[in-house]
Amino acid sequence: MDTLRIYLNALSIGEQRDFAAKCSTSVEYLRKAISKKQKLGPALSVLIETNSDGAVSRKDLHPDDWQGIWPELNSMTPAA
């Protein structure tokens, strides 16, 4: 969620509202979710990743369970 907070803070208020609208939500909802460390739904997480051009990834938003939600991303993870 820190990545989302940082991303939003880098945008102007108008840009934040446009971003949230493209994600079918509101800035207020995103800010509340960040402050409460609330888990965002998979569909919203995909919209955030898409509309942030990957700056905020699904993996950032779901660090503990992304493998179970999006198993196809496992093949996109670089080998260590």
N, C-alpha and C. Protein backbone atom coordinates (compact mmCIF):
# COMPACT_ATOMS: atom_id res chain seq x y z
N MET A 1 0.81 -1.20 0.00
CA MET A 1 0.00 0.00 0.00
C MET A 1 0.85 1.26 0.00
N ASP A 2 2.08 1.14 0.48
CA ASP A 2 2.96 2.31 0.47
C ASP A 2 3.20 2.80 -0.95
N THR A 3 3.31 1.86 -1.89
CA THR A 3 3.53 2.24 -3.28
C THR A 3 2.35 3.04 -3.81
N LEU A 4 1.14 2.63 -3.45
CA LEU A 4 -0.05 3.36 -3.88
C LEU A 4 -0.09 4.74 -3.23
N ARG A 5 0.24 4.83 -1.95
CA ARG A 5 0.26 6.12 -1.26
C ARG A 5 1.25 7.06 -1.92
N ILE A 6 2.44 6.57 -2.19
CA ILE A 6 3.49 7.39 -2.83
C ILE A 6 3.04 7.83 -4.21
N TYR A 7 2.44 6.90 -4.96
CA TYR A 7 1.96 7.23 -6.30
C TYR A 7 0.91 8.33 -6.25
N LEU A 8 -0.08 8.18 -5.37
CA LEU A 8 -1.13 9.20 -5.26
C LEU A 8 -0.57 10.54 -4.83
N ASN A 9 0.35 10.53 -3.88
CA ASN A 9 0.93 11.78 -3.39
C ASN A 9 1.71 12.53 -4.47
N ALA A 10 2.18 11.81 -5.47
CA ALA A 10 2.94 12.45 -6.55
C ALA A 10 2.01 13.12 -7.58
N LEU A 11 0.72 12.84 -7.48
CA LEU A 11 -0.25 13.41 -8.42
C LEU A 11 -0.90 14.65 -7.83
N SER A 12 -1.30 15.56 -8.71
CA SER A 12 -2.09 16.71 -8.26
C SER A 12 -3.48 16.20 -7.85
N ILE A 13 -4.24 17.03 -7.17
CA ILE A 13 -5.59 16.63 -6.74
C ILE A 13 -6.43 16.23 -7.95
N GLY A 14 -6.36 17.01 -9.00
CA GLY A 14 -7.12 16.69 -10.22
C GLY A 14 -6.68 15.37 -10.83
N GLU A 15 -5.39 15.14 -10.86
CA GLU A 15 -4.86 13.88 -11.40
C GLU A 15 -5.28 12.70 -10.52
N GLN A 16 -5.30 12.91 -9.20
CA GLN A 16 -5.75 11.86 -8.30
C GLN A 16 -7.21 11.50 -8.60
N ARG A 17 -8.05 12.50 -8.79
CA ARG A 17 -9.46 12.26 -9.07
C ARG A 17 -9.63 11.54 -10.42
N ASP A 18 -8.87 11.96 -11.42
CA ASP A 18 -8.92 11.30 -12.73
C ASP A 18 -8.47 9.84 -12.62
N PHE A 19 -7.39 9.61 -11.89
CA PHE A 19 -6.88 8.26 -11.70
C PHE A 19 -7.92 7.39 -11.01
N ALA A 20 -8.49 7.89 -9.92
CA ALA A 20 -9.50 7.12 -9.19
C ALA A 20 -10.71 6.83 -10.07
N ALA A 21 -11.15 7.81 -10.84
CA ALA A 21 -12.29 7.60 -11.73
C ALA A 21 -11.99 6.51 -12.76
N LYS A 22 -10.78 6.52 -13.31
CA LYS A 22 -10.39 5.48 -14.27
C LYS A 22 -10.38 4.11 -13.61
N CYS A 23 -10.18 4.09 -12.31
CA CYS A 23 -10.16 2.83 -11.54
C CYS A 23 -11.55 2.50 -10.98
N SER A 24 -12.56 3.27 -11.37
CA SER A 24 -13.94 3.07 -10.92
C SER A 24 -14.10 3.17 -9.41
N THR A 25 -13.37 4.11 -8.82
CA THR A 25 -13.47 4.34 -7.37
C THR A 25 -13.26 5.82 -7.09
N SER A 26 -13.04 6.16 -5.85
CA SER A 26 -12.80 7.56 -5.48
C SER A 26 -11.47 7.68 -4.75
N VAL A 27 -10.94 8.89 -4.76
CA VAL A 27 -9.71 9.15 -4.01
C VAL A 27 -9.95 8.89 -2.53
N GLU A 28 -11.11 9.27 -2.06
CA GLU A 28 -11.43 9.07 -0.65
C GLU A 28 -11.40 7.59 -0.27
N TYR A 29 -11.94 6.74 -1.13
CA TYR A 29 -11.91 5.30 -0.85
C TYR A 29 -10.47 4.80 -0.82
N LEU A 30 -9.67 5.22 -1.80
CA LEU A 30 -8.28 4.76 -1.85
C LEU A 30 -7.52 5.24 -0.61
N ARG A 31 -7.71 6.49 -0.22
CA ARG A 31 -7.02 7.02 0.98
C ARG A 31 -7.45 6.27 2.24
N LYS A 32 -8.75 5.98 2.34
CA LYS A 32 -9.25 5.23 3.51
C LYS A 32 -8.64 3.83 3.53
N ALA A 33 -8.61 3.17 2.38
CA ALA A 33 -8.03 1.82 2.29
C ALA A 33 -6.56 1.84 2.67
N ILE A 34 -5.84 2.86 2.24
CA ILE A 34 -4.42 2.98 2.58
C ILE A 34 -4.26 3.16 4.09
N SER A 35 -5.04 4.07 4.67
CA SER A 35 -4.87 4.37 6.10
C SER A 35 -5.26 3.18 6.98
N LYS A 36 -6.23 2.39 6.55
CA LYS A 36 -6.66 1.23 7.34
C LYS A 36 -5.94 -0.05 6.94
N LYS A 37 -5.01 0.08 5.98
CA LYS A 37 -4.29 -1.09 5.46
C LYS A 37 -5.27 -2.17 5.01
N GLN A 38 -6.31 -1.71 4.36
CA GLN A 38 -7.38 -2.57 3.86
C GLN A 38 -6.95 -3.27 2.59
N LYS A 39 -7.31 -4.52 2.47
CA LYS A 39 -7.00 -5.29 1.27
C LYS A 39 -7.95 -4.86 0.16
N LEU A 40 -7.40 -4.48 -0.98
CA LEU A 40 -8.21 -4.10 -2.12
C LEU A 40 -8.61 -5.35 -2.90
N GLY A 41 -9.74 -5.29 -3.55
CA GLY A 41 -10.20 -6.41 -4.35
C GLY A 41 -9.32 -6.63 -5.56
N PRO A 42 -9.32 -7.86 -6.08
CA PRO A 42 -8.50 -8.17 -7.25
C PRO A 42 -8.82 -7.30 -8.47
N ALA A 43 -10.10 -7.06 -8.74
CA ALA A 43 -10.46 -6.26 -9.92
C ALA A 43 -9.94 -4.83 -9.79
N LEU A 44 -10.09 -4.23 -8.61
CA LEU A 44 -9.58 -2.87 -8.38
C LEU A 44 -8.06 -2.86 -8.48
N SER A 45 -7.42 -3.88 -7.97
CA SER A 45 -5.95 -3.95 -8.03
C SER A 45 -5.46 -3.98 -9.47
N VAL A 46 -6.16 -4.71 -10.33
CA VAL A 46 -5.79 -4.76 -11.74
C VAL A 46 -5.98 -3.38 -12.38
N LEU A 47 -7.09 -2.72 -12.05
CA LEU A 47 -7.32 -1.37 -12.60
C LEU A 47 -6.25 -0.39 -12.14
N ILE A 48 -5.84 -0.50 -10.89
CA ILE A 48 -4.79 0.39 -10.37
C ILE A 48 -3.48 0.13 -11.11
N GLU A 49 -3.13 -1.13 -11.28
CA GLU A 49 -1.90 -1.45 -12.01
C GLU A 49 -1.95 -0.92 -13.44
N THR A 50 -3.07 -1.14 -14.11
CA THR A 50 -3.23 -0.71 -15.50
C THR A 50 -3.18 0.80 -15.63
N ASN A 51 -3.93 1.50 -14.78
CA ASN A 51 -4.03 2.95 -14.90
C ASN A 51 -2.84 3.71 -14.33
N SER A 52 -2.00 3.01 -13.57
CA SER A 52 -0.76 3.64 -13.09
C SER A 52 0.40 3.26 -14.01
N ASP A 53 0.08 2.62 -15.13
CA ASP A 53 1.11 2.14 -16.07
C ASP A 53 2.14 1.27 -15.38
N GLY A 54 1.68 0.47 -14.42
CA GLY A 54 2.56 -0.47 -13.73
C GLY A 54 3.34 0.11 -12.57
N ALA A 55 3.18 1.40 -12.31
CA ALA A 55 3.91 2.02 -11.19
C ALA A 55 3.47 1.41 -9.86
N VAL A 56 2.20 1.02 -9.77
CA VAL A 56 1.67 0.31 -8.60
C VAL A 56 1.21 -1.04 -9.12
N SER A 57 1.91 -2.09 -8.74
CA SER A 57 1.59 -3.41 -9.27
C SER A 57 0.65 -4.18 -8.35
N ARG A 58 0.03 -5.21 -8.93
CA ARG A 58 -0.81 -6.11 -8.13
C ARG A 58 0.01 -6.76 -7.03
N LYS A 59 1.27 -7.04 -7.34
CA LYS A 59 2.15 -7.65 -6.33
C LYS A 59 2.38 -6.70 -5.17
N ASP A 60 2.49 -5.40 -5.45
CA ASP A 60 2.63 -4.39 -4.38
C ASP A 60 1.39 -4.37 -3.48
N LEU A 61 0.23 -4.49 -4.10
CA LEU A 61 -1.03 -4.39 -3.36
C LEU A 61 -1.40 -5.68 -2.63
N HIS A 62 -0.86 -6.80 -3.09
CA HIS A 62 -1.16 -8.11 -2.49
C HIS A 62 0.14 -8.88 -2.26
N PRO A 63 1.03 -8.36 -1.42
CA PRO A 63 2.35 -8.99 -1.27
C PRO A 63 2.30 -10.42 -0.72
N ASP A 64 1.25 -10.75 0.04
CA ASP A 64 1.19 -12.06 0.67
C ASP A 64 0.35 -13.09 -0.08
N ASP A 65 -0.47 -12.63 -1.03
CA ASP A 65 -1.37 -13.59 -1.66
C ASP A 65 -1.49 -13.46 -3.18
N TRP A 66 -0.63 -12.67 -3.81
CA TRP A 66 -0.77 -12.49 -5.25
C TRP A 66 -0.59 -13.79 -6.02
N GLN A 67 0.24 -14.70 -5.52
CA GLN A 67 0.47 -15.96 -6.24
C GLN A 67 -0.82 -16.77 -6.36
N GLY A 68 -1.66 -16.73 -5.33
CA GLY A 68 -2.92 -17.46 -5.37
C GLY A 68 -3.99 -16.79 -6.21
N ILE A 69 -3.95 -15.47 -6.29
CA ILE A 69 -4.95 -14.73 -7.04
C ILE A 69 -4.60 -14.70 -8.53
N TRP A 70 -3.33 -14.45 -8.81
CA TRP A 70 -2.86 -14.33 -10.20
C TRP A 70 -1.70 -15.29 -10.44
N PRO A 71 -1.94 -16.60 -10.50
CA PRO A 71 -0.84 -17.56 -10.67
C PRO A 71 -0.05 -17.34 -11.95
N GLU A 72 -0.67 -16.72 -12.94
CA GLU A 72 0.05 -16.46 -14.20
C GLU A 72 1.22 -15.50 -14.01
N LEU A 73 1.19 -14.70 -12.94
CA LEU A 73 2.30 -13.78 -12.69
C LEU A 73 3.55 -14.51 -12.20
N ASN A 74 3.41 -15.74 -11.73
CA ASN A 74 4.57 -16.51 -11.30
C ASN A 74 5.57 -16.68 -12.43
N SER A 75 5.07 -16.88 -13.64
CA SER A 75 5.97 -17.06 -14.78
C SER A 75 6.62 -15.76 -15.21
N MET A 76 6.12 -14.63 -14.70
CA MET A 76 6.69 -13.32 -15.02
C MET A 76 7.72 -12.87 -14.00
N THR A 77 7.88 -13.63 -12.92
CA THR A 77 8.83 -13.28 -11.88
C THR A 77 10.23 -13.70 -12.30
N PRO A 78 11.19 -12.78 -12.34
CA PRO A 78 12.54 -13.14 -12.73
C PRO A 78 13.14 -14.13 -11.74
N ALA A 79 13.93 -15.03 -12.24
CA ALA A 79 14.60 -16.01 -11.38
C ALA A 79 15.63 -15.30 -10.51
N ALA A 80 15.77 -15.79 -9.29
CA ALA A 80 16.72 -15.17 -8.36
C ALA A 80 18.12 -15.67 -8.59
